[in-house]
Amino acid sequence: MTGRRPYRQRRGSVILVVMWAIAIGALILSSVQLFSYRHAMLARQALGRIQARWAARGGLEYTIAIMADHTLDPVPGDAFAMVRDMDAIADGRDGIAIDGRIVGGYDIRHHSDGKDWWGPMDEHSKININAAIDNPRLLHNLDNISPDVVDAILDWIDEDQDERPLGAERHYYLSLSMPYEPRNAPMRSIAELELVAGVWPDHLRGEDWNLNNRLDPNEDDADRTWPPDEPDQRLDAAWSGILTTYSVSGGLTDSGLARIDLQSTTPEELMERLDITEEQASSLISFGGTANSRLEQLLTRQVQQASERSARPGGVTSPSTTGPVLTDDELRGVFAETSIGDPRQRRAGKLNINTVSEEVLLQLLQDREYLADEIIYLRASRPEGIASLVDLIDIPAFQDDPATLEYIAGIMDVSSSVYSITVKGRSRTGDVEVEIFAVVDRSTVPVRILEYRE
C-alpha cells in the first residue's frame, strides 16, 4: 500500500499556512495604516506650518502697507497717528480669512520697559551706534558701557587705523587665534557688535538671546533652558534694548513729498512748499549754504530772536541777529520739509523724542535731568506727542539754555523711519506657530525690508 499523508495532517498544514498568511496580511495592513497615519500627521503639520507662516506674512504685509500709506499721506501734527494704526491691526489672533475660511492668526508685539506692547518696535527709540562716530557723547553718557568698549566701537567704525587710547584696530583682530578684519565702516547689524574687542554676547543680548524683542518662554524660566534669566516676566535686553544700527535720517515729510535740500534749491520751490516770502526763502538758502550749518541752529536763533523781540521796544528784532526771521509755524515747516545736504544720502538716524525711553533720555541729559523731566512731561501731556522740535521752545528751561536745546535737536527728531516687526503666526487649530522678524525702512517708497528671518 502506497504511503499517503493522512488527511488530518494535510488539513493542519493548510490551517498553518492560512494563519501565517493572515498574520502577514495583518502586519502589512498595520504597516500601511501606520505609514498612512504618519504621512497624514506630517501633512497636517506641513499644512499647519503653511497656515502659520502665511498668517505671519499677512500681519507683516498689513503693517508694511500702513507704513507706506502714512509715508505717502501723512497726518501732520500727530506724531502717533501711524503708531495707532499699526497697533490697531497688531492683534490678529481672531484669524485671517481667505474665501471666507479662517486659515490662521497672528500677533505683533514687542517687550520694552518691563511690559509687552502691541505693534512693532521703533528702532529710533534706540541710539544708533554709527551716529557715535560724529558724536561720541552718545555712547560715553551711557552708564553700562565702559570707556574702553566705547573706544573699541569707534575704532571699529572709523575708516583709519589710528588706535584710540583704550581701543583696538586691525593689528589686534589679526593677532587673534581666529583672526578677522574689522569693518572700518558703519556697522550693518546690531549682532556685529559682538565682533568688537571687549564685547561679549551677554553684554549685547542679555536675556533676549535671539534678538527678537519679545519675551519668549525660554527667556523667563530661570536656568531650565538657555539663556540664563530671571523669571520675573521682564526682558533684560541689555545693550540691544538701547542700541541699533538701522535707524536713518531723512525721508518723512508732512507733505508726503521728498525733502528739499537747502543747498540746492531755489527760492521759488521754498516759497511754494513752505508758504514763505521770497526774502525768507533767500535767507534760508543762504543759511543752508553756510559752512557747518545745521537745522538745529535755527531753533537757538528762534529763541534768541524771541528774547530780543521781548526786550526791545516795539518787539523788533535786532538787525545784528543773523539768519532768517520766521514765525514758529514757518519754522515747523522748515524742519518738516527741508534738509541741509542731499536727503537721499543714508545717514545714521536720530532718536525719536516721542519714543526714546526715559532711562536713555535721563542718561543723555544726566547733568540736566530736569530738562529730561520736562520733555517727558510735554510728550505725555499731548495725545499727538511732540509734533515738531519747535514745540520744545515752549519749555521755559530751554529759553535759558539754548545750547542744550541745540544739542537735543541735533540728536533727536519727532518721527521714525525704521521699525523692527516681530510677528508670530498661528495655524487655524493653533497647534503650530511660526515667527517672522523683519526690520522695515519706510524712509523711501516702496518700503524696504532691511533684515528678514523666520
Protein backbone atom coordinates (compact mmCIF):
# COMPACT_ATOMS: atom_id res chain seq x y z
CA MET A 1 0.00 0.00 0.00
CA THR A 2 1.46 3.28 -1.13
CA GLY A 3 2.24 5.82 1.63
CA ARG A 4 -0.03 8.88 1.66
CA ARG A 5 -0.13 11.69 4.19
CA PRO A 6 -3.19 11.43 6.35
CA TYR A 7 -5.99 13.87 5.51
CA ARG A 8 -5.96 15.29 9.00
CA GLN A 9 -2.24 16.09 8.67
CA ARG A 10 -2.79 17.86 5.36
CA ARG A 11 -5.63 19.88 6.88
CA GLY A 12 -3.37 21.01 9.73
CA SER A 13 -0.77 22.24 7.23
CA VAL A 14 -3.37 24.26 5.36
CA ILE A 15 -4.56 25.89 8.59
CA LEU A 16 -0.97 26.78 9.47
CA VAL A 17 -0.42 28.36 6.06
CA VAL A 18 -3.66 30.30 6.32
CA MET A 19 -2.75 31.56 9.80
CA TRP A 20 0.65 32.69 8.54
CA ALA A 21 -0.99 34.40 5.61
CA ILE A 22 -3.44 36.18 7.94
CA ALA A 23 -0.60 37.24 10.24
CA ILE A 24 1.46 38.56 7.34
CA GLY A 25 -1.58 40.35 5.92
CA ALA A 26 -2.34 41.89 9.31
CA LEU A 27 1.28 43.02 9.60
CA ILE A 28 1.17 44.57 6.13
CA LEU A 29 -2.15 46.23 6.88
CA SER A 30 -0.84 47.62 10.19
CA SER A 31 2.28 48.91 8.44
CA VAL A 32 0.18 50.57 5.75
CA GLN A 33 -2.08 52.11 8.38
CA LEU A 34 0.88 53.35 10.42
CA PHE A 35 2.58 54.67 7.29
CA SER A 36 -0.63 56.43 6.23
CA TYR A 37 -1.17 57.87 9.70
CA ARG A 38 2.36 59.20 9.86
CA HIS A 39 2.03 60.76 6.42
CA ALA A 40 -1.32 62.26 7.36
CA MET A 41 0.20 63.67 10.55
CA LEU A 42 3.14 65.10 8.60
CA ALA A 43 0.72 66.54 6.08
CA ARG A 44 -1.30 68.17 8.87
CA GLN A 45 1.90 69.60 10.36
CA ALA A 46 3.01 70.86 6.95
CA LEU A 47 -0.41 72.43 6.41
CA GLY A 48 -0.22 73.99 9.87
CA ARG A 49 3.23 75.44 9.14
CA ILE A 50 1.97 76.87 5.85
CA GLN A 51 -1.06 78.38 7.55
CA ALA A 52 1.04 79.83 10.38
CA ARG A 53 3.72 81.18 8.03
CA TRP A 54 1.29 82.93 5.75
CA ALA A 55 -0.69 84.25 8.69
CA ALA A 56 2.56 85.81 9.94
CA ARG A 57 3.33 87.13 6.47
CA GLY A 58 -0.17 88.59 6.33
CA GLY A 59 0.42 90.52 9.56
CA LEU A 60 3.80 91.72 8.28
CA GLU A 61 2.44 92.86 4.91
CA TYR A 62 -0.52 94.58 6.57
CA THR A 63 1.87 96.58 8.78
CA ILE A 64 4.09 97.48 5.81
CA ALA A 65 1.04 98.70 3.90
CA ILE A 66 0.13 101.04 6.78
CA MET A 67 3.71 102.37 6.85
CA ALA A 68 3.65 103.07 3.11
CA ASP A 69 0.26 104.77 3.36
CA HIS A 70 1.42 107.10 6.14
CA THR A 71 4.63 107.89 4.26
CA LEU A 72 2.72 108.98 1.15
CA ASP A 73 -0.22 110.52 3.00
CA PRO A 74 0.99 111.57 6.47
CA VAL A 75 -1.08 113.15 9.23
CA PRO A 76 0.67 116.46 10.03
CA GLY A 77 0.72 117.48 13.66
CA ASP A 78 0.22 113.96 15.01
CA ALA A 79 3.42 112.05 15.82
CA PHE A 80 1.48 108.93 16.86
CA ALA A 81 -1.02 108.62 14.00
CA MET A 82 0.83 105.79 12.26
CA VAL A 83 1.67 104.08 15.56
CA ARG A 84 -2.02 103.96 16.49
CA ASP A 85 -2.92 102.47 13.12
CA MET A 86 -0.21 99.80 13.43
CA ASP A 87 -1.32 98.98 16.96
CA ALA A 88 -4.91 98.63 15.80
CA ILE A 89 -4.06 95.72 13.48
CA ALA A 90 -1.35 94.14 15.67
CA ASP A 91 -3.75 91.69 17.31
CA GLY A 92 -4.80 89.31 14.54
CA ARG A 93 -5.37 86.31 16.77
CA ASP A 94 -9.04 86.09 15.73
CA GLY A 95 -7.76 84.89 12.38
CA ILE A 96 -7.11 85.72 8.77
CA ALA A 97 -9.83 84.64 6.38
CA ILE A 98 -9.33 83.58 2.76
CA ASP A 99 -12.52 82.97 0.74
CA GLY A 100 -14.46 83.08 3.99
CA ARG A 101 -12.35 80.42 5.73
CA ILE A 102 -10.12 81.14 8.74
CA VAL A 103 -6.62 79.94 7.82
CA GLY A 104 -4.69 81.20 10.84
CA GLY A 105 -3.99 84.13 13.13
CA TYR A 106 -1.08 86.36 14.15
CA ASP A 107 0.04 88.85 16.74
CA ILE A 108 2.69 91.58 16.58
CA ARG A 109 4.26 92.56 19.90
CA HIS A 110 7.48 93.75 21.45
CA HIS A 111 8.72 93.92 25.03
CA SER A 112 10.08 97.15 26.46
CA ASP A 113 10.29 98.80 29.87
CA GLY A 114 9.13 95.61 31.58
CA LYS A 115 5.90 95.04 29.64
CA ASP A 116 4.53 93.84 26.32
CA TRP A 117 3.41 96.42 23.77
CA TRP A 118 1.28 95.80 20.71
CA GLY A 119 2.83 96.69 17.38
CA PRO A 120 6.40 96.97 16.03
CA MET A 121 9.39 98.31 17.93
CA ASP A 122 10.62 101.75 16.94
CA GLU A 123 14.32 101.49 16.08
CA HIS A 124 14.54 105.27 16.51
CA SER A 125 13.84 104.79 20.21
CA LYS A 126 17.42 103.49 20.41
CA ILE A 127 20.80 105.15 19.92
CA ASN A 128 22.34 104.48 16.51
CA ILE A 129 25.89 103.23 17.11
CA ASN A 130 27.03 104.64 13.78
CA ALA A 131 25.99 108.16 14.83
CA ALA A 132 28.55 107.99 17.63
CA ILE A 133 31.43 108.42 15.20
CA ASP A 134 30.45 112.12 14.92
CA ASN A 135 29.08 112.38 18.45
CA PRO A 136 30.90 110.03 20.88
CA ARG A 137 28.95 111.62 23.73
CA LEU A 138 26.01 109.40 22.72
CA LEU A 139 27.89 106.34 23.98
CA HIS A 140 30.04 107.91 26.68
CA ASN A 141 26.93 109.08 28.53
CA LEU A 142 25.55 105.53 28.84
CA ASP A 143 26.08 104.04 32.28
CA ASN A 144 26.60 100.39 31.33
CA ILE A 145 29.17 100.75 28.53
CA SER A 146 32.75 101.22 29.72
CA PRO A 147 35.13 103.75 28.09
CA ASP A 148 37.38 101.01 26.65
CA VAL A 149 34.43 99.43 24.84
CA VAL A 150 33.35 102.82 23.52
CA ASP A 151 36.83 103.42 22.09
CA ALA A 152 36.87 99.92 20.55
CA ILE A 153 33.45 100.54 18.94
CA LEU A 154 34.60 103.86 17.47
CA ASP A 155 37.81 102.23 16.17
CA TRP A 156 35.69 99.53 14.54
CA ILE A 157 33.53 102.12 12.77
CA ASP A 158 36.08 104.72 11.70
CA GLU A 159 37.99 104.43 8.42
CA ASP A 160 41.51 104.91 9.75
CA GLN A 161 43.93 102.61 11.57
CA ASP A 162 44.70 105.10 14.34
CA GLU A 163 44.01 103.35 17.61
CA ARG A 164 42.24 105.30 20.35
CA PRO A 165 43.79 105.22 23.86
CA LEU A 166 41.59 102.31 25.00
CA GLY A 167 40.52 101.00 21.62
CA ALA A 168 41.60 98.29 19.18
CA GLU A 169 42.45 98.37 15.49
CA ARG A 170 43.34 95.93 12.72
CA HIS A 171 46.53 94.55 14.26
CA TYR A 172 44.61 93.40 17.34
CA TYR A 173 41.96 91.48 15.40
CA LEU A 174 44.55 89.88 13.13
CA SER A 175 46.50 88.67 16.18
CA LEU A 176 43.59 86.57 17.48
CA SER A 177 43.63 82.77 17.23
CA MET A 178 40.83 83.09 14.67
CA PRO A 179 41.73 86.42 13.00
CA TYR A 180 39.34 88.62 11.08
CA GLU A 181 39.30 92.10 9.58
CA PRO A 182 37.50 94.94 11.37
CA ARG A 183 34.71 96.69 9.47
CA ASN A 184 36.25 100.21 9.43
CA ALA A 185 32.89 101.40 8.20
CA PRO A 186 29.38 101.79 9.68
CA MET A 187 28.03 98.64 11.32
CA ARG A 188 25.35 96.81 9.40
CA SER A 189 23.60 94.96 12.22
CA ILE A 190 23.46 95.03 15.99
CA ALA A 191 24.84 91.47 16.16
CA GLU A 192 28.06 92.72 14.54
CA LEU A 193 28.82 94.43 17.83
CA GLU A 194 29.89 91.04 19.22
CA LEU A 195 32.95 91.15 16.96
CA VAL A 196 34.26 94.27 18.69
CA ALA A 197 37.02 93.87 21.26
CA GLY A 198 35.71 93.76 24.81
CA VAL A 199 32.12 92.93 23.84
CA TRP A 200 30.64 89.61 24.98
CA PRO A 201 27.33 88.13 23.79
CA ASP A 202 25.67 88.55 27.18
CA HIS A 203 26.64 92.26 27.12
CA LEU A 204 24.71 92.71 23.91
CA ARG A 205 21.88 90.20 24.18
CA GLY A 206 21.16 89.92 27.89
CA GLU A 207 18.12 87.67 28.11
CA ASP A 208 16.99 88.38 24.54
CA TRP A 209 19.27 85.75 23.07
CA ASN A 210 17.55 85.60 19.67
CA LEU A 211 17.30 89.41 19.40
CA ASN A 212 13.61 89.37 18.52
CA ASN A 213 12.46 92.00 21.06
CA ARG A 214 9.96 89.55 22.58
CA LEU A 215 9.88 87.81 25.95
CA ASP A 216 9.95 84.16 24.89
CA PRO A 217 9.16 81.31 27.33
CA ASN A 218 12.82 80.19 27.43
CA GLU A 219 13.81 83.74 28.39
CA ASP A 220 11.66 83.73 31.52
CA ASP A 221 12.27 80.29 33.05
CA ALA A 222 15.36 80.81 35.23
CA ASP A 223 18.07 78.29 34.30
CA ARG A 224 15.87 75.48 32.98
CA THR A 225 16.64 76.33 29.34
CA TRP A 226 19.14 78.63 27.66
CA PRO A 227 19.72 81.52 28.16
CA PRO A 228 20.10 82.09 31.91
CA ASP A 229 17.48 84.60 33.01
CA GLU A 230 15.47 85.94 35.89
CA PRO A 231 11.88 84.56 35.90
CA ASP A 232 10.41 88.00 36.59
CA GLN A 233 8.29 88.47 33.45
CA ARG A 234 10.69 91.19 32.32
CA LEU A 235 13.04 91.04 29.35
CA ASP A 236 16.51 92.38 30.07
CA ALA A 237 17.66 93.08 26.52
CA ALA A 238 20.97 94.60 27.70
CA TRP A 239 22.62 96.77 25.04
CA SER A 240 20.33 95.52 22.27
CA GLY A 241 17.48 97.31 24.04
CA ILE A 242 19.13 100.74 23.72
CA LEU A 243 21.40 100.45 20.67
CA THR A 244 20.67 99.99 16.97
CA THR A 245 22.34 100.26 13.57
CA TYR A 246 19.19 100.55 11.45
CA SER A 247 17.66 103.98 12.04
CA VAL A 248 18.13 106.51 9.23
CA SER A 249 17.72 110.27 8.88
CA GLY A 250 15.74 111.92 6.15
CA GLY A 251 12.54 110.95 4.43
CA LEU A 252 9.22 111.56 6.10
CA THR A 253 7.79 114.98 5.37
CA ASP A 254 4.44 116.38 6.44
CA SER A 255 3.51 116.83 2.78
CA GLY A 256 4.48 113.33 1.69
CA LEU A 257 6.92 114.83 -0.83
CA ALA A 258 10.70 114.46 -0.92
CA ARG A 259 12.69 116.76 1.33
CA ILE A 260 14.09 119.97 -0.11
CA ASP A 261 17.86 120.38 0.13
CA LEU A 262 18.58 123.96 1.21
CA GLN A 263 21.95 123.73 -0.52
CA SER A 264 20.50 123.04 -3.97
CA THR A 265 17.00 124.50 -4.04
CA THR A 266 15.52 127.68 -5.46
CA PRO A 267 13.56 130.45 -3.69
CA GLU A 268 10.53 129.59 -5.79
CA GLU A 269 10.50 125.97 -4.60
CA LEU A 270 10.77 127.00 -0.96
CA MET A 271 8.10 129.69 -1.34
CA GLU A 272 5.67 127.19 -2.83
CA ARG A 273 6.33 124.40 -0.32
CA LEU A 274 6.63 126.46 2.87
CA ASP A 275 4.35 129.40 2.03
CA ILE A 276 7.00 131.97 2.93
CA THR A 277 8.19 135.19 1.33
CA GLU A 278 10.97 135.46 -1.21
CA GLU A 279 13.15 137.24 1.34
CA GLN A 280 12.70 134.42 3.84
CA ALA A 281 13.39 131.80 1.18
CA SER A 282 16.59 133.52 0.07
CA SER A 283 17.70 133.85 3.68
CA LEU A 284 17.11 130.12 4.26
CA ILE A 285 19.13 129.23 1.17
CA SER A 286 21.95 131.50 2.32
CA PHE A 287 21.84 129.86 5.74
CA GLY A 288 21.92 126.36 4.25
CA GLY A 289 24.95 127.24 2.15
CA THR A 290 26.95 128.44 5.15
CA ALA A 291 29.77 126.10 6.17
CA ASN A 292 28.85 123.71 9.02
CA SER A 293 25.29 124.97 9.16
CA ARG A 294 22.70 122.68 10.79
CA LEU A 295 18.94 122.98 11.02
CA GLU A 296 19.02 122.79 14.79
CA GLN A 297 20.85 126.12 14.83
CA LEU A 298 17.60 127.71 13.68
CA LEU A 299 15.99 126.72 16.98
CA THR A 300 18.50 128.60 19.08
CA ARG A 301 18.25 131.60 16.76
CA GLN A 302 14.47 131.47 17.16
CA VAL A 303 14.86 131.59 20.93
CA GLN A 304 17.34 134.46 20.68
CA GLN A 305 15.11 136.40 18.31
CA ALA A 306 12.09 135.90 20.56
CA SER A 307 14.12 137.10 23.52
CA GLU A 308 15.27 140.20 21.62
CA ARG A 309 11.75 141.00 20.46
CA SER A 310 10.50 140.90 24.02
CA ALA A 311 13.40 143.06 25.23
CA ARG A 312 13.39 145.77 22.53
CA PRO A 313 10.77 148.48 22.22
CA GLY A 314 8.00 147.52 19.84
CA GLY A 315 9.11 143.89 19.71
CA VAL A 316 11.61 144.50 16.90
CA THR A 317 14.42 142.08 16.23
CA SER A 318 17.93 143.50 16.32
CA PRO A 319 19.45 144.00 12.87
CA SER A 320 22.54 142.19 14.14
CA THR A 321 20.61 138.96 14.51
CA THR A 322 21.67 136.62 11.71
CA GLY A 323 19.59 134.01 9.96
CA PRO A 324 16.05 134.04 8.56
CA VAL A 325 13.26 135.64 10.58
CA LEU A 326 10.46 133.08 10.76
CA THR A 327 7.37 132.51 12.83
CA ASP A 328 7.18 129.32 14.88
CA ASP A 329 4.74 127.78 12.38
CA GLU A 330 7.04 128.66 9.47
CA LEU A 331 9.97 127.12 11.32
CA ARG A 332 7.91 123.95 11.87
CA GLY A 333 7.57 123.74 8.12
CA VAL A 334 11.32 124.13 7.65
CA PHE A 335 12.02 121.21 10.00
CA ALA A 336 9.28 119.09 8.45
CA GLU A 337 10.10 119.65 4.77
CA THR A 338 13.80 120.51 4.36
CA SER A 339 17.30 119.25 5.00
CA ILE A 340 20.84 120.53 4.67
CA GLY A 341 22.61 118.15 2.31
CA ASP A 342 21.29 115.50 -0.07
CA PRO A 343 18.26 113.89 1.63
CA ARG A 344 18.80 110.73 -0.43
CA GLN A 345 22.11 110.07 1.32
CA ARG A 346 21.58 107.49 4.06
CA ARG A 347 22.88 108.77 7.36
CA ALA A 348 22.59 107.35 10.85
CA GLY A 349 19.18 108.15 12.25
CA LYS A 350 18.31 110.33 15.19
CA LEU A 351 16.42 109.33 18.32
CA ASN A 352 12.67 109.87 18.30
CA ILE A 353 11.95 112.23 21.17
CA ASN A 354 8.46 110.70 21.48
CA THR A 355 9.58 107.08 21.87
CA VAL A 356 13.05 107.18 23.43
CA SER A 357 12.93 105.55 26.85
CA GLU A 358 13.06 107.65 29.99
CA GLU A 359 16.19 105.75 31.02
CA VAL A 360 18.11 106.69 27.87
CA LEU A 361 16.84 110.27 27.91
CA LEU A 362 17.98 110.73 31.50
CA GLN A 363 21.41 109.32 30.69
CA LEU A 364 21.85 111.57 27.66
CA LEU A 365 20.93 114.56 29.83
CA GLN A 366 22.49 113.24 33.01
CA ASP A 367 23.74 116.69 34.04
CA ARG A 368 20.39 118.30 33.21
CA GLU A 369 17.84 115.76 34.41
CA TYR A 370 15.27 118.48 34.95
CA LEU A 371 15.19 119.03 31.17
CA ALA A 372 14.60 115.32 30.60
CA ASP A 373 11.68 115.50 33.04
CA GLU A 374 10.28 118.50 31.15
CA ILE A 375 10.46 116.64 27.82
CA ILE A 376 8.82 113.54 29.31
CA TYR A 377 6.02 115.68 30.75
CA LEU A 378 5.49 117.57 27.47
CA ARG A 379 5.17 114.44 25.33
CA ALA A 380 2.92 112.70 27.89
CA SER A 381 0.59 115.70 28.09
CA ARG A 382 -0.19 115.64 24.37
CA PRO A 383 -2.12 112.78 22.74
CA GLU A 384 -0.42 113.61 19.46
CA GLY A 385 3.04 113.73 21.09
CA ILE A 386 5.68 116.31 20.28
CA ALA A 387 4.82 117.06 16.66
CA SER A 388 7.81 119.35 15.99
CA LEU A 389 11.11 120.17 17.64
CA VAL A 390 9.89 123.77 17.61
CA ASP A 391 7.47 122.70 20.38
CA LEU A 392 10.48 122.46 22.70
CA ILE A 393 10.62 126.26 22.73
CA ASP A 394 7.52 126.06 24.95
CA ILE A 395 9.70 124.62 27.72
CA PRO A 396 10.87 127.67 29.71
CA ALA A 397 14.12 125.99 30.78
CA PHE A 398 15.28 125.80 27.15
CA GLN A 399 14.86 129.53 26.74
CA ASP A 400 17.61 129.98 29.33
CA ASP A 401 19.72 127.14 27.93
CA PRO A 402 19.74 127.37 24.10
CA ALA A 403 22.94 125.30 23.85
CA THR A 404 21.19 122.24 25.30
CA LEU A 405 18.21 122.90 23.04
CA GLU A 406 20.54 122.78 20.04
CA TYR A 407 22.15 119.58 21.36
CA ILE A 408 18.76 117.89 21.76
CA ALA A 409 17.66 118.98 18.30
CA GLY A 410 20.92 117.64 16.87
CA ILE A 411 20.40 114.10 18.17
CA MET A 412 16.60 113.84 18.14
CA ASP A 413 13.63 114.15 15.83
CA VAL A 414 9.87 113.69 16.15
CA SER A 415 9.26 110.89 13.64
CA SER A 416 10.68 107.48 12.81
CA SER A 417 11.56 105.69 9.59
CA VAL A 418 12.68 102.22 10.72
CA TYR A 419 10.78 99.65 12.76
CA SER A 420 11.51 96.06 13.72
CA ILE A 421 8.45 93.84 13.40
CA THR A 422 8.20 90.57 15.31
CA VAL A 423 5.07 88.75 14.19
CA LYS A 424 4.04 85.30 15.41
CA GLY A 425 1.67 83.39 13.13
CA ARG A 426 -0.53 80.51 14.27
CA SER A 427 -2.24 77.77 12.30
CA ARG A 428 -6.03 77.52 12.20
CA THR A 429 -6.03 74.98 15.03
CA GLY A 430 -3.36 76.88 16.97
CA ASP A 431 -1.03 73.89 17.31
CA VAL A 432 1.72 75.26 15.03
CA GLU A 433 3.48 78.62 15.33
CA VAL A 434 5.91 80.41 13.01
CA GLU A 435 7.72 83.61 13.95
CA ILE A 436 8.95 86.18 11.45
CA PHE A 437 11.30 89.02 12.35
CA ALA A 438 11.79 91.88 9.90
CA VAL A 439 13.40 95.31 10.02
CA VAL A 440 11.47 97.69 7.76
CA ASP A 441 12.55 101.10 6.46
CA ARG A 442 9.84 103.49 5.27
CA SER A 443 12.10 106.46 4.54
CA THR A 444 11.54 105.68 0.87
CA VAL A 445 8.64 104.24 -1.10
CA PRO A 446 8.33 101.39 -1.80
CA VAL A 447 9.10 100.42 1.77
CA ARG A 448 12.29 98.37 2.10
CA ILE A 449 12.96 95.30 4.24
CA LEU A 450 16.48 95.65 5.68
CA GLU A 451 16.54 92.32 7.52
CA TYR A 452 14.30 89.25 7.37
CA ARG A 453 14.42 85.97 9.24
CA GLU A 454 11.97 83.28 10.22
